[in-house]
Amino acid sequence: MNFDALIQTIALAAIPVLFAITLHEAAHGYAARHFGDMTAYAQGRISLNPLRHIDPVGTILLPLLTLFVGGILFGWAKPVPVNFSALRHPKKDMLWVALAGPAANLVMALFWGAMFKVALSMPGSYFAEPLLGMAQFGVTINAILLVLNLLPLPPLDGGRVAISLLPHRQAFQLAKIEPYGMVILIVLAVVPVGGQPILSWILSPLVSSFIRMIETIF
């Protein structure tokens, strides 16, 4: 990718990426507060201000790198702190707090799908082409974050969901994986199988199916 194309890509992707990551984390904070945990609220993390959620590596460096080298657009924000023991019903409420982030990504994917349709409805408009590009990035990044975070690997949201739904003994065994979860995820992201990283091999068909669903709706 040449420099001009990279700048254009960054300009189109910046807003969808920032809000996909920010609203995902803020949704966890809102849900946690609703179910009794005030940790994120006390730390000022229940906010739609992207600056409160930006992680220099996960929100800026890594997405730029994936845009430059190609592959699945990937990144993260600073996790919103949740004290699950402070929830009114910790094991049950954990499910809803965990699902709040992916649910926010689902809503945003639908929003950007609608924006894509709006852009198609005004051919020749000055705003049509950039809106099309921005909407494509919006659908894609939210699809990736939704699918990635639903993998049943703690500390991802899917891991929290699994812990909430499993019987106590199995939930405890799965929870013990959490300290190693990010290491496992990084290994999956870099170790290739059949010419592509294992994580891409897992995510790509699921992300593609989700994007096709959004296209079908709109």
N, C-alpha and C. Protein backbone atom coordinates (compact mmCIF):
# COMPACT_ATOMS: atom_id res chain seq x y z
N MET A 1 0.85 -1.18 0.00
CA MET A 1 0.00 0.00 0.00
C MET A 1 0.89 1.25 0.00
N ASN A 2 0.68 2.16 -0.99
CA ASN A 2 1.50 3.37 -1.04
C ASN A 2 1.04 4.37 0.02
N PHE A 3 1.86 5.41 0.20
CA PHE A 3 1.61 6.35 1.30
C PHE A 3 0.26 7.05 1.14
N ASP A 4 -0.06 7.52 -0.07
CA ASP A 4 -1.33 8.23 -0.28
C ASP A 4 -2.53 7.33 0.02
N ALA A 5 -2.43 6.07 -0.44
CA ALA A 5 -3.53 5.14 -0.19
C ALA A 5 -3.66 4.84 1.29
N LEU A 6 -2.51 4.76 1.99
CA LEU A 6 -2.54 4.50 3.43
C LEU A 6 -3.22 5.65 4.17
N ILE A 7 -2.89 6.90 3.81
CA ILE A 7 -3.50 8.07 4.45
C ILE A 7 -5.00 8.08 4.20
N GLN A 8 -5.40 7.76 2.97
CA GLN A 8 -6.83 7.73 2.65
C GLN A 8 -7.54 6.64 3.47
N THR A 9 -6.90 5.50 3.59
CA THR A 9 -7.49 4.40 4.35
C THR A 9 -7.64 4.78 5.82
N ILE A 10 -6.60 5.40 6.39
CA ILE A 10 -6.65 5.82 7.78
C ILE A 10 -7.78 6.83 8.00
N ALA A 11 -7.93 7.77 7.05
CA ALA A 11 -8.97 8.79 7.18
C ALA A 11 -10.36 8.17 7.19
N LEU A 12 -10.55 7.14 6.37
CA LEU A 12 -11.86 6.50 6.30
C LEU A 12 -12.10 5.57 7.49
N ALA A 13 -11.04 4.94 7.99
CA ALA A 13 -11.20 3.93 9.04
C ALA A 13 -11.20 4.52 10.44
N ALA A 14 -10.65 5.72 10.62
CA ALA A 14 -10.41 6.25 11.96
C ALA A 14 -11.69 6.32 12.79
N ILE A 15 -12.73 6.95 12.25
CA ILE A 15 -13.97 7.12 13.03
C ILE A 15 -14.64 5.78 13.32
N PRO A 16 -14.83 4.89 12.33
CA PRO A 16 -15.44 3.59 12.65
C PRO A 16 -14.64 2.78 13.66
N VAL A 17 -13.31 2.78 13.54
CA VAL A 17 -12.49 1.99 14.46
C VAL A 17 -12.57 2.55 15.87
N LEU A 18 -12.42 3.88 16.01
CA LEU A 18 -12.46 4.50 17.34
C LEU A 18 -13.78 4.24 18.05
N PHE A 19 -14.88 4.40 17.32
CA PHE A 19 -16.17 4.23 17.97
C PHE A 19 -16.52 2.76 18.18
N ALA A 20 -16.06 1.88 17.30
CA ALA A 20 -16.30 0.45 17.52
C ALA A 20 -15.66 -0.01 18.82
N ILE A 21 -14.44 0.43 19.05
CA ILE A 21 -13.72 0.03 20.26
C ILE A 21 -14.26 0.77 21.48
N THR A 22 -14.49 2.08 21.34
CA THR A 22 -14.95 2.90 22.47
C THR A 22 -16.31 2.46 22.97
N LEU A 23 -17.26 2.33 22.06
CA LEU A 23 -18.62 1.97 22.48
C LEU A 23 -18.68 0.55 23.02
N HIS A 24 -17.84 -0.32 22.51
CA HIS A 24 -17.77 -1.68 23.05
C HIS A 24 -17.41 -1.64 24.53
N GLU A 25 -16.35 -0.88 24.86
CA GLU A 25 -15.91 -0.82 26.26
C GLU A 25 -16.91 -0.05 27.13
N ALA A 26 -17.44 1.06 26.62
CA ALA A 26 -18.41 1.83 27.40
C ALA A 26 -19.65 1.00 27.71
N ALA A 27 -20.05 0.14 26.77
CA ALA A 27 -21.23 -0.70 26.98
C ALA A 27 -21.01 -1.65 28.16
N HIS A 28 -19.79 -2.19 28.28
CA HIS A 28 -19.49 -3.03 29.45
C HIS A 28 -19.67 -2.23 30.74
N GLY A 29 -19.18 -0.99 30.74
CA GLY A 29 -19.28 -0.16 31.93
C GLY A 29 -20.72 0.17 32.30
N TYR A 30 -21.52 0.52 31.30
CA TYR A 30 -22.94 0.81 31.55
C TYR A 30 -23.65 -0.42 32.12
N ALA A 31 -23.38 -1.59 31.53
CA ALA A 31 -24.03 -2.81 31.99
C ALA A 31 -23.60 -3.15 33.41
N ALA A 32 -22.28 -3.00 33.68
CA ALA A 32 -21.79 -3.30 35.03
C ALA A 32 -22.45 -2.39 36.06
N ARG A 33 -22.57 -1.10 35.74
CA ARG A 33 -23.22 -0.17 36.67
C ARG A 33 -24.68 -0.56 36.89
N HIS A 34 -25.35 -0.96 35.82
CA HIS A 34 -26.76 -1.35 35.93
C HIS A 34 -26.94 -2.53 36.87
N PHE A 35 -25.96 -3.44 36.88
CA PHE A 35 -26.07 -4.64 37.71
C PHE A 35 -25.34 -4.50 39.05
N GLY A 36 -24.91 -3.29 39.39
CA GLY A 36 -24.43 -3.04 40.74
C GLY A 36 -22.96 -2.76 40.93
N ASP A 37 -22.15 -2.90 39.88
CA ASP A 37 -20.71 -2.64 40.04
C ASP A 37 -20.41 -1.22 39.60
N MET A 38 -19.92 -0.39 40.51
CA MET A 38 -19.65 1.02 40.23
C MET A 38 -18.18 1.29 39.93
N THR A 39 -17.37 0.24 39.72
CA THR A 39 -15.93 0.42 39.53
C THR A 39 -15.63 1.30 38.34
N ALA A 40 -16.18 0.98 37.19
CA ALA A 40 -15.91 1.76 35.98
C ALA A 40 -16.42 3.19 36.12
N TYR A 41 -17.58 3.35 36.74
CA TYR A 41 -18.14 4.68 36.96
C TYR A 41 -17.22 5.51 37.84
N ALA A 42 -16.72 4.92 38.92
CA ALA A 42 -15.84 5.64 39.85
C ALA A 42 -14.53 6.06 39.19
N GLN A 43 -14.08 5.30 38.19
CA GLN A 43 -12.83 5.60 37.49
C GLN A 43 -13.05 6.46 36.24
N GLY A 44 -14.28 6.92 36.01
CA GLY A 44 -14.56 7.76 34.86
C GLY A 44 -14.50 7.06 33.53
N ARG A 45 -14.68 5.72 33.53
CA ARG A 45 -14.57 4.96 32.30
C ARG A 45 -15.92 4.74 31.61
N ILE A 46 -17.01 5.15 32.24
CA ILE A 46 -18.29 5.06 31.53
C ILE A 46 -18.45 6.36 30.75
N SER A 47 -17.84 6.38 29.58
CA SER A 47 -17.75 7.60 28.80
C SER A 47 -17.72 7.27 27.33
N LEU A 48 -18.30 8.15 26.51
CA LEU A 48 -18.22 8.01 25.06
C LEU A 48 -17.05 8.78 24.48
N ASN A 49 -16.22 9.33 25.36
CA ASN A 49 -15.02 10.03 24.92
C ASN A 49 -13.95 9.00 24.56
N PRO A 50 -13.56 8.88 23.29
CA PRO A 50 -12.57 7.86 22.90
C PRO A 50 -11.25 7.99 23.65
N LEU A 51 -10.88 9.20 24.06
CA LEU A 51 -9.59 9.39 24.73
C LEU A 51 -9.51 8.62 26.04
N ARG A 52 -10.66 8.36 26.66
CA ARG A 52 -10.66 7.62 27.92
C ARG A 52 -10.43 6.12 27.72
N HIS A 53 -10.56 5.66 26.48
CA HIS A 53 -10.48 4.22 26.22
C HIS A 53 -9.30 3.84 25.32
N ILE A 54 -8.58 4.81 24.79
CA ILE A 54 -7.52 4.50 23.84
C ILE A 54 -6.34 3.81 24.51
N ASP A 55 -5.91 2.72 23.92
CA ASP A 55 -4.67 2.05 24.29
C ASP A 55 -3.68 2.32 23.15
N PRO A 56 -2.51 2.91 23.44
CA PRO A 56 -1.59 3.30 22.37
C PRO A 56 -1.26 2.16 21.41
N VAL A 57 -1.09 0.96 21.94
CA VAL A 57 -0.75 -0.18 21.09
C VAL A 57 -1.99 -0.74 20.42
N GLY A 58 -3.00 -1.10 21.22
CA GLY A 58 -4.16 -1.80 20.69
C GLY A 58 -5.09 -0.95 19.86
N THR A 59 -5.20 0.35 20.16
CA THR A 59 -6.14 1.22 19.46
C THR A 59 -5.50 1.97 18.30
N ILE A 60 -4.19 2.18 18.35
CA ILE A 60 -3.53 2.99 17.33
C ILE A 60 -2.51 2.18 16.53
N LEU A 61 -1.49 1.66 17.22
CA LEU A 61 -0.38 1.02 16.52
C LEU A 61 -0.81 -0.24 15.77
N LEU A 62 -1.51 -1.14 16.46
CA LEU A 62 -1.87 -2.42 15.84
C LEU A 62 -2.85 -2.25 14.67
N PRO A 63 -3.93 -1.45 14.81
CA PRO A 63 -4.78 -1.24 13.63
C PRO A 63 -4.03 -0.63 12.44
N LEU A 64 -3.14 0.33 12.71
CA LEU A 64 -2.35 0.91 11.62
C LEU A 64 -1.47 -0.15 10.97
N LEU A 65 -0.88 -1.01 11.78
CA LEU A 65 -0.01 -2.06 11.25
C LEU A 65 -0.80 -3.04 10.39
N THR A 66 -1.99 -3.44 10.86
CA THR A 66 -2.79 -4.37 10.07
C THR A 66 -3.31 -3.73 8.79
N LEU A 67 -3.58 -2.42 8.83
CA LEU A 67 -3.97 -1.73 7.60
C LEU A 67 -2.82 -1.70 6.61
N PHE A 68 -1.61 -1.55 7.13
CA PHE A 68 -0.43 -1.42 6.26
C PHE A 68 -0.04 -2.75 5.64
N VAL A 69 -0.04 -3.81 6.44
CA VAL A 69 0.44 -5.10 5.94
C VAL A 69 -0.68 -5.96 5.38
N GLY A 70 -1.93 -5.57 5.62
CA GLY A 70 -3.05 -6.36 5.13
C GLY A 70 -3.52 -7.35 6.18
N GLY A 71 -4.53 -8.12 5.83
CA GLY A 71 -5.09 -9.09 6.78
C GLY A 71 -6.27 -8.50 7.52
N ILE A 72 -6.70 -9.20 8.56
CA ILE A 72 -7.87 -8.78 9.33
C ILE A 72 -7.53 -7.56 10.17
N LEU A 73 -8.34 -6.52 10.06
CA LEU A 73 -8.18 -5.32 10.88
C LEU A 73 -8.42 -5.71 12.34
N PHE A 74 -7.46 -5.38 13.19
CA PHE A 74 -7.45 -5.94 14.54
C PHE A 74 -7.01 -4.89 15.53
N GLY A 75 -7.61 -4.87 16.72
CA GLY A 75 -7.18 -3.93 17.75
C GLY A 75 -8.03 -4.07 18.99
N TRP A 76 -7.70 -3.26 20.00
CA TRP A 76 -8.46 -3.28 21.25
C TRP A 76 -8.32 -1.95 21.96
N ALA A 77 -9.15 -1.72 22.96
CA ALA A 77 -9.04 -0.54 23.81
C ALA A 77 -8.63 -0.97 25.20
N LYS A 78 -8.40 0.02 26.08
CA LYS A 78 -8.15 -0.31 27.48
C LYS A 78 -9.42 -0.95 28.05
N PRO A 79 -9.31 -2.16 28.59
CA PRO A 79 -10.53 -2.81 29.12
C PRO A 79 -11.15 -1.98 30.24
N VAL A 80 -12.46 -1.87 30.21
CA VAL A 80 -13.18 -1.23 31.31
C VAL A 80 -13.11 -2.14 32.53
N PRO A 81 -12.71 -1.61 33.69
CA PRO A 81 -12.60 -2.46 34.87
C PRO A 81 -13.97 -2.89 35.38
N VAL A 82 -14.11 -4.18 35.60
CA VAL A 82 -15.36 -4.73 36.14
C VAL A 82 -15.00 -5.62 37.33
N ASN A 83 -15.59 -5.32 38.47
CA ASN A 83 -15.44 -6.15 39.66
C ASN A 83 -16.65 -7.07 39.73
N PHE A 84 -16.49 -8.28 39.20
CA PHE A 84 -17.64 -9.17 39.08
C PHE A 84 -18.22 -9.55 40.44
N SER A 85 -17.39 -9.53 41.47
CA SER A 85 -17.90 -9.86 42.81
C SER A 85 -18.82 -8.78 43.34
N ALA A 86 -18.76 -7.57 42.74
CA ALA A 86 -19.63 -6.48 43.18
C ALA A 86 -21.00 -6.51 42.50
N LEU A 87 -21.17 -7.35 41.49
CA LEU A 87 -22.47 -7.48 40.84
C LEU A 87 -23.47 -8.11 41.81
N ARG A 88 -24.72 -7.76 41.64
CA ARG A 88 -25.74 -8.27 42.58
C ARG A 88 -25.84 -9.79 42.53
N HIS A 89 -25.75 -10.35 41.34
CA HIS A 89 -25.75 -11.81 41.16
C HIS A 89 -24.56 -12.14 40.24
N PRO A 90 -23.35 -12.25 40.80
CA PRO A 90 -22.12 -12.26 40.00
C PRO A 90 -22.13 -13.24 38.82
N LYS A 91 -22.46 -14.49 39.04
CA LYS A 91 -22.35 -15.47 37.95
C LYS A 91 -23.40 -15.22 36.87
N LYS A 92 -24.61 -14.86 37.30
CA LYS A 92 -25.68 -14.60 36.32
C LYS A 92 -25.48 -13.27 35.62
N ASP A 93 -25.15 -12.22 36.37
CA ASP A 93 -25.02 -10.89 35.79
C ASP A 93 -23.79 -10.77 34.88
N MET A 94 -22.77 -11.60 35.14
CA MET A 94 -21.59 -11.60 34.29
C MET A 94 -21.95 -11.82 32.82
N LEU A 95 -22.96 -12.64 32.58
CA LEU A 95 -23.40 -12.92 31.21
C LEU A 95 -23.78 -11.64 30.49
N TRP A 96 -24.60 -10.80 31.15
CA TRP A 96 -25.11 -9.59 30.50
C TRP A 96 -24.04 -8.52 30.37
N VAL A 97 -23.17 -8.43 31.37
CA VAL A 97 -22.06 -7.48 31.27
C VAL A 97 -21.15 -7.86 30.11
N ALA A 98 -20.87 -9.15 29.96
CA ALA A 98 -20.00 -9.61 28.88
C ALA A 98 -20.64 -9.40 27.52
N LEU A 99 -21.94 -9.66 27.41
CA LEU A 99 -22.61 -9.54 26.10
C LEU A 99 -22.84 -8.10 25.69
N ALA A 100 -22.75 -7.15 26.63
CA ALA A 100 -23.01 -5.76 26.30
C ALA A 100 -22.06 -5.23 25.23
N GLY A 101 -20.78 -5.61 25.31
CA GLY A 101 -19.80 -5.13 24.32
C GLY A 101 -20.11 -5.63 22.91
N PRO A 102 -20.22 -6.96 22.70
CA PRO A 102 -20.61 -7.45 21.38
C PRO A 102 -21.95 -6.92 20.90
N ALA A 103 -22.90 -6.70 21.82
CA ALA A 103 -24.19 -6.14 21.42
C ALA A 103 -24.02 -4.73 20.85
N ALA A 104 -23.11 -3.95 21.47
CA ALA A 104 -22.82 -2.61 20.94
C ALA A 104 -22.24 -2.71 19.54
N ASN A 105 -21.37 -3.69 19.30
CA ASN A 105 -20.80 -3.87 17.97
C ASN A 105 -21.86 -4.29 16.95
N LEU A 106 -22.82 -5.09 17.39
CA LEU A 106 -23.92 -5.48 16.50
C LEU A 106 -24.73 -4.26 16.09
N VAL A 107 -25.06 -3.41 17.04
CA VAL A 107 -25.83 -2.19 16.74
C VAL A 107 -25.05 -1.29 15.79
N MET A 108 -23.74 -1.15 16.05
CA MET A 108 -22.94 -0.29 15.17
C MET A 108 -22.79 -0.88 13.77
N ALA A 109 -22.69 -2.21 13.67
CA ALA A 109 -22.62 -2.83 12.35
C ALA A 109 -23.90 -2.55 11.56
N LEU A 110 -25.04 -2.63 12.25
CA LEU A 110 -26.31 -2.32 11.59
C LEU A 110 -26.37 -0.85 11.19
N PHE A 111 -25.86 0.04 12.04
CA PHE A 111 -25.82 1.46 11.71
C PHE A 111 -24.99 1.71 10.45
N TRP A 112 -23.79 1.12 10.40
CA TRP A 112 -22.95 1.34 9.23
C TRP A 112 -23.51 0.66 7.99
N GLY A 113 -24.23 -0.44 8.18
CA GLY A 113 -24.92 -1.04 7.04
C GLY A 113 -25.97 -0.10 6.48
N ALA A 114 -26.69 0.59 7.37
CA ALA A 114 -27.68 1.57 6.93
C ALA A 114 -27.00 2.74 6.22
N MET A 115 -25.84 3.17 6.73
CA MET A 115 -25.10 4.27 6.10
C MET A 115 -24.61 3.87 4.70
N PHE A 116 -24.24 2.60 4.55
CA PHE A 116 -23.82 2.11 3.23
C PHE A 116 -24.98 2.22 2.24
N LYS A 117 -26.17 1.85 2.70
CA LYS A 117 -27.34 1.95 1.82
C LYS A 117 -27.66 3.40 1.49
N VAL A 118 -27.52 4.29 2.48
CA VAL A 118 -27.74 5.72 2.23
C VAL A 118 -26.78 6.23 1.18
N ALA A 119 -25.50 5.83 1.29
CA ALA A 119 -24.50 6.28 0.31
C ALA A 119 -24.83 5.78 -1.09
N LEU A 120 -25.31 4.54 -1.19
CA LEU A 120 -25.67 4.01 -2.51
C LEU A 120 -26.86 4.75 -3.12
N SER A 121 -27.69 5.34 -2.26
CA SER A 121 -28.90 6.00 -2.75
C SER A 121 -28.63 7.40 -3.30
N MET A 122 -27.39 7.89 -3.16
CA MET A 122 -27.08 9.24 -3.67
C MET A 122 -25.84 9.21 -4.55
N PRO A 123 -25.90 8.48 -5.67
CA PRO A 123 -24.74 8.41 -6.57
C PRO A 123 -24.38 9.78 -7.11
N GLY A 124 -23.10 10.04 -7.23
CA GLY A 124 -22.65 11.33 -7.74
C GLY A 124 -22.49 12.39 -6.68
N SER A 125 -23.02 12.15 -5.49
CA SER A 125 -22.88 13.11 -4.41
C SER A 125 -21.44 13.18 -3.95
N TYR A 126 -21.03 14.36 -3.48
CA TYR A 126 -19.66 14.57 -2.99
C TYR A 126 -19.36 13.66 -1.80
N PHE A 127 -20.41 13.35 -1.01
CA PHE A 127 -20.20 12.56 0.20
C PHE A 127 -20.37 11.06 -0.02
N ALA A 128 -20.89 10.66 -1.19
CA ALA A 128 -21.24 9.25 -1.39
C ALA A 128 -20.03 8.32 -1.29
N GLU A 129 -18.96 8.64 -2.02
CA GLU A 129 -17.80 7.73 -2.05
C GLU A 129 -17.11 7.61 -0.70
N PRO A 130 -16.81 8.74 0.00
CA PRO A 130 -16.19 8.56 1.33
C PRO A 130 -17.11 7.87 2.33
N LEU A 131 -18.41 8.12 2.24
CA LEU A 131 -19.34 7.46 3.16
C LEU A 131 -19.39 5.96 2.88
N LEU A 132 -19.32 5.58 1.60
CA LEU A 132 -19.27 4.16 1.26
C LEU A 132 -18.06 3.49 1.89
N GLY A 133 -16.90 4.14 1.73
CA GLY A 133 -15.68 3.57 2.30
C GLY A 133 -15.73 3.48 3.81
N MET A 134 -16.23 4.55 4.45
CA MET A 134 -16.32 4.57 5.90
C MET A 134 -17.29 3.50 6.39
N ALA A 135 -18.42 3.35 5.68
CA ALA A 135 -19.41 2.35 6.07
C ALA A 135 -18.86 0.94 5.93
N GLN A 136 -18.08 0.69 4.88
CA GLN A 136 -17.48 -0.63 4.71
C GLN A 136 -16.55 -0.96 5.88
N PHE A 137 -15.72 0.01 6.25
CA PHE A 137 -14.84 -0.19 7.41
C PHE A 137 -15.66 -0.39 8.68
N GLY A 138 -16.75 0.38 8.82
CA GLY A 138 -17.58 0.27 10.01
C GLY A 138 -18.19 -1.11 10.17
N VAL A 139 -18.74 -1.64 9.09
CA VAL A 139 -19.32 -2.98 9.15
C VAL A 139 -18.24 -4.02 9.45
N THR A 140 -17.10 -3.88 8.78
CA THR A 140 -16.03 -4.88 8.91
C THR A 140 -15.44 -4.90 10.31
N ILE A 141 -15.05 -3.74 10.84
CA ILE A 141 -14.40 -3.73 12.16
C ILE A 141 -15.36 -4.18 13.24
N ASN A 142 -16.64 -3.80 13.13
CA ASN A 142 -17.59 -4.25 14.15
C ASN A 142 -17.88 -5.74 14.03
N ALA A 143 -17.86 -6.26 12.81
CA ALA A 143 -18.02 -7.71 12.62
C ALA A 143 -16.85 -8.46 13.25
N ILE A 144 -15.64 -7.94 13.05
CA ILE A 144 -14.44 -8.59 13.61
C ILE A 144 -14.48 -8.56 15.13
N LEU A 145 -14.78 -7.39 15.70
CA LEU A 145 -14.80 -7.28 17.16
C LEU A 145 -15.89 -8.15 17.78
N LEU A 146 -17.05 -8.22 17.13
CA LEU A 146 -18.14 -9.04 17.65
C LEU A 146 -17.73 -10.52 17.65
N VAL A 147 -17.24 -11.00 16.52
CA VAL A 147 -16.89 -12.42 16.40
C VAL A 147 -15.70 -12.76 17.29
N LEU A 148 -14.67 -11.91 17.26
CA LEU A 148 -13.49 -12.17 18.08
C LEU A 148 -13.84 -12.25 19.56
N ASN A 149 -14.61 -11.29 20.03
CA ASN A 149 -14.91 -11.23 21.46
C ASN A 149 -15.86 -12.32 21.93
N LEU A 150 -16.52 -12.99 21.01
CA LEU A 150 -17.41 -14.09 21.40
C LEU A 150 -16.69 -15.44 21.40
N LEU A 151 -15.39 -15.46 21.07
CA LEU A 151 -14.65 -16.71 21.21
C LEU A 151 -14.64 -17.11 22.69
N PRO A 152 -14.86 -18.38 23.00
CA PRO A 152 -14.98 -18.80 24.41
C PRO A 152 -13.63 -18.93 25.11
N LEU A 153 -12.90 -17.84 25.13
CA LEU A 153 -11.56 -17.82 25.73
C LEU A 153 -11.46 -16.66 26.71
N PRO A 154 -11.41 -16.93 28.01
CA PRO A 154 -11.21 -15.81 28.95
C PRO A 154 -9.86 -15.15 28.68
N PRO A 155 -9.74 -13.81 28.74
CA PRO A 155 -10.72 -12.87 29.27
C PRO A 155 -11.63 -12.26 28.20
N LEU A 156 -11.72 -12.86 27.02
CA LEU A 156 -12.65 -12.35 26.01
C LEU A 156 -14.08 -12.49 26.51
N ASP A 157 -14.98 -11.71 25.92
CA ASP A 157 -16.37 -11.72 26.37
C ASP A 157 -17.00 -13.11 26.26
N GLY A 158 -16.65 -13.83 25.21
CA GLY A 158 -17.18 -15.18 25.05
C GLY A 158 -16.75 -16.10 26.17
N GLY A 159 -15.54 -15.89 26.68
CA GLY A 159 -15.09 -16.66 27.83
C GLY A 159 -15.91 -16.35 29.07
N ARG A 160 -16.23 -15.06 29.26
CA ARG A 160 -17.08 -14.67 30.39
C ARG A 160 -18.48 -15.29 30.26
N VAL A 161 -18.99 -15.28 29.04
CA VAL A 161 -20.31 -15.88 28.81
C VAL A 161 -20.28 -17.36 29.16
N ALA A 162 -19.23 -18.05 28.71
CA ALA A 162 -19.12 -19.48 28.99
C ALA A 162 -19.03 -19.74 30.49
N ILE A 163 -18.23 -18.93 31.20
CA ILE A 163 -18.10 -19.08 32.65
C ILE A 163 -19.45 -18.88 33.33
N SER A 164 -20.22 -17.92 32.83
CA SER A 164 -21.53 -17.65 33.41
C SER A 164 -22.50 -18.81 33.19
N LEU A 165 -22.41 -19.48 32.05
CA LEU A 165 -23.39 -20.51 31.70
C LEU A 165 -23.01 -21.90 32.17
N LEU A 166 -21.70 -22.16 32.33
CA LEU A 166 -21.26 -23.49 32.72
C LEU A 166 -21.56 -23.77 34.20
N PRO A 167 -21.70 -25.05 34.56
CA PRO A 167 -21.80 -25.39 35.99
C PRO A 167 -20.55 -24.91 36.72
N HIS A 168 -20.66 -24.74 38.03
CA HIS A 168 -19.60 -24.10 38.81
C HIS A 168 -18.24 -24.78 38.62
N ARG A 169 -18.20 -26.09 38.63
CA ARG A 169 -16.91 -26.78 38.53
C ARG A 169 -16.23 -26.50 37.20
N GLN A 170 -16.98 -26.65 36.10
CA GLN A 170 -16.42 -26.40 34.77
C GLN A 170 -16.09 -24.92 34.58
N ALA A 171 -16.94 -24.04 35.14
CA ALA A 171 -16.68 -22.60 35.05
C ALA A 171 -15.38 -22.24 35.76
N PHE A 172 -15.13 -22.87 36.91
CA PHE A 172 -13.89 -22.61 37.66
C PHE A 172 -12.68 -23.06 36.86
N GLN A 173 -12.77 -24.22 36.21
CA GLN A 173 -11.66 -24.71 35.41
C GLN A 173 -11.37 -23.78 34.23
N LEU A 174 -12.43 -23.30 33.57
CA LEU A 174 -12.24 -22.39 32.44
C LEU A 174 -11.67 -21.06 32.91
N ALA A 175 -12.11 -20.58 34.06
CA ALA A 175 -11.64 -19.29 34.58
C ALA A 175 -10.14 -19.32 34.86
N LYS A 176 -9.59 -20.50 35.15
CA LYS A 176 -8.16 -20.60 35.45
C LYS A 176 -7.29 -20.31 34.22
N ILE A 177 -7.91 -20.33 33.03
CA ILE A 177 -7.17 -20.05 31.80
C ILE A 177 -6.92 -18.56 31.63
N GLU A 178 -7.71 -17.72 32.31
CA GLU A 178 -7.71 -16.27 32.06
C GLU A 178 -6.32 -15.63 32.08
N PRO A 179 -5.43 -15.93 33.03
CA PRO A 179 -4.11 -15.27 33.01
C PRO A 179 -3.31 -15.54 31.75
N TYR A 180 -3.66 -16.60 31.04
CA TYR A 180 -2.91 -16.98 29.83
C TYR A 180 -3.70 -16.68 28.56
N GLY A 181 -4.90 -16.11 28.72
CA GLY A 181 -5.79 -15.92 27.57
C GLY A 181 -5.20 -15.05 26.48
N MET A 182 -4.61 -13.91 26.85
CA MET A 182 -4.07 -13.00 25.84
C MET A 182 -2.86 -13.62 25.16
N VAL A 183 -2.06 -14.38 25.91
CA VAL A 183 -0.91 -15.07 25.30
C VAL A 183 -1.41 -16.08 24.26
N ILE A 184 -2.44 -16.84 24.64
CA ILE A 184 -3.02 -17.80 23.69
C ILE A 184 -3.53 -17.10 22.45
N LEU A 185 -4.18 -15.95 22.64
CA LEU A 185 -4.74 -15.19 21.51
C LEU A 185 -3.63 -14.70 20.59
N ILE A 186 -2.54 -14.19 21.17
CA ILE A 186 -1.42 -13.71 20.37
C ILE A 186 -0.79 -14.86 19.58
N VAL A 187 -0.64 -16.02 20.23
CA VAL A 187 -0.10 -17.20 19.53
C VAL A 187 -0.99 -17.57 18.36
N LEU A 188 -2.30 -17.57 18.59
CA LEU A 188 -3.24 -17.88 17.50
C LEU A 188 -3.14 -16.87 16.37
N ALA A 189 -2.80 -15.62 16.72
CA ALA A 189 -2.74 -14.56 15.71
C ALA A 189 -1.47 -14.61 14.88
N VAL A 190 -0.43 -15.30 15.35
CA VAL A 190 0.86 -15.29 14.62
C VAL A 190 1.25 -16.66 14.07
N VAL A 191 0.74 -17.74 14.63
CA VAL A 191 1.12 -19.08 14.17
C VAL A 191 0.29 -19.44 12.94
N PRO A 192 0.94 -19.73 11.81
CA PRO A 192 0.18 -19.98 10.57
C PRO A 192 -0.25 -21.44 10.43
N VAL A 193 -1.38 -21.60 9.77
CA VAL A 193 -1.87 -22.91 9.34
C VAL A 193 -2.40 -22.75 7.93
N GLY A 194 -1.86 -23.48 7.01
CA GLY A 194 -2.31 -23.37 5.63
C GLY A 194 -2.07 -22.00 5.03
N GLY A 195 -0.99 -21.33 5.45
CA GLY A 195 -0.64 -20.05 4.85
C GLY A 195 -1.26 -18.84 5.52
N GLN A 196 -2.08 -19.04 6.55
CA GLN A 196 -2.63 -17.90 7.27
C GLN A 196 -2.67 -18.20 8.77
N PRO A 197 -2.60 -17.15 9.60
CA PRO A 197 -2.63 -17.39 11.04
C PRO A 197 -3.88 -18.15 11.47
N ILE A 198 -3.73 -18.93 12.53
CA ILE A 198 -4.85 -19.73 13.04
C ILE A 198 -6.05 -18.84 13.34
N LEU A 199 -5.79 -17.66 13.93
CA LEU A 199 -6.89 -16.77 14.29
C LEU A 199 -7.66 -16.32 13.06
N SER A 200 -6.95 -15.99 11.99
CA SER A 200 -7.62 -15.61 10.73
C SER A 200 -8.43 -16.78 10.18
N TRP A 201 -7.87 -17.98 10.29
CA TRP A 201 -8.55 -19.19 9.81
C TRP A 201 -9.86 -19.40 10.56
N ILE A 202 -9.84 -19.08 11.88
CA ILE A 202 -11.05 -19.23 12.69
C ILE A 202 -12.05 -18.11 12.40
N LEU A 203 -11.54 -16.86 12.36
CA LEU A 203 -12.43 -15.71 12.29
C LEU A 203 -13.00 -15.44 10.90
N SER A 204 -12.19 -15.64 9.86
CA SER A 204 -12.57 -15.19 8.52
C SER A 204 -13.93 -15.71 8.06
N PRO A 205 -14.21 -17.02 8.14
CA PRO A 205 -15.54 -17.47 7.68
C PRO A 205 -16.69 -16.92 8.53
N LEU A 206 -16.45 -16.77 9.83
CA LEU A 206 -17.50 -16.24 10.71
C LEU A 206 -17.75 -14.76 10.42
N VAL A 207 -16.67 -14.00 10.24
CA VAL A 207 -16.81 -12.58 9.91
C VAL A 207 -17.50 -12.41 8.56
N SER A 208 -17.10 -13.21 7.58
CA SER A 208 -17.71 -13.13 6.25
C SER A 208 -19.20 -13.44 6.31
N SER A 209 -19.57 -14.44 7.10
CA SER A 209 -20.99 -14.79 7.23
C SER A 209 -21.78 -13.66 7.88
N PHE A 210 -21.18 -13.03 8.89
CA PHE A 210 -21.86 -11.91 9.56
C PHE A 210 -22.03 -10.73 8.60
N ILE A 211 -20.99 -10.42 7.82
CA ILE A 211 -21.09 -9.32 6.87
C ILE A 211 -22.16 -9.60 5.83
N ARG A 212 -22.23 -10.85 5.37
CA ARG A 212 -23.28 -11.21 4.39
C ARG A 212 -24.66 -11.02 5.00
N MET A 213 -24.78 -11.33 6.31
CA MET A 213 -26.07 -11.12 6.98
C MET A 213 -26.45 -9.65 6.97
N ILE A 214 -25.48 -8.78 7.27
CA ILE A 214 -25.74 -7.33 7.25
C ILE A 214 -26.13 -6.89 5.85
N GLU A 215 -25.43 -7.40 4.84
CA GLU A 215 -25.75 -7.06 3.44
C GLU A 215 -27.16 -7.51 3.08
N THR A 216 -27.56 -8.67 3.59
CA THR A 216 -28.90 -9.18 3.29
C THR A 216 -29.98 -8.29 3.90
N ILE A 217 -29.71 -7.82 5.13
CA ILE A 217 -30.68 -6.96 5.81
C ILE A 217 -30.89 -5.66 5.04
N PHE A 218 -29.79 -5.11 4.50
CA PHE A 218 -29.88 -3.80 3.84
C PHE A 218 -29.82 -3.91 2.32
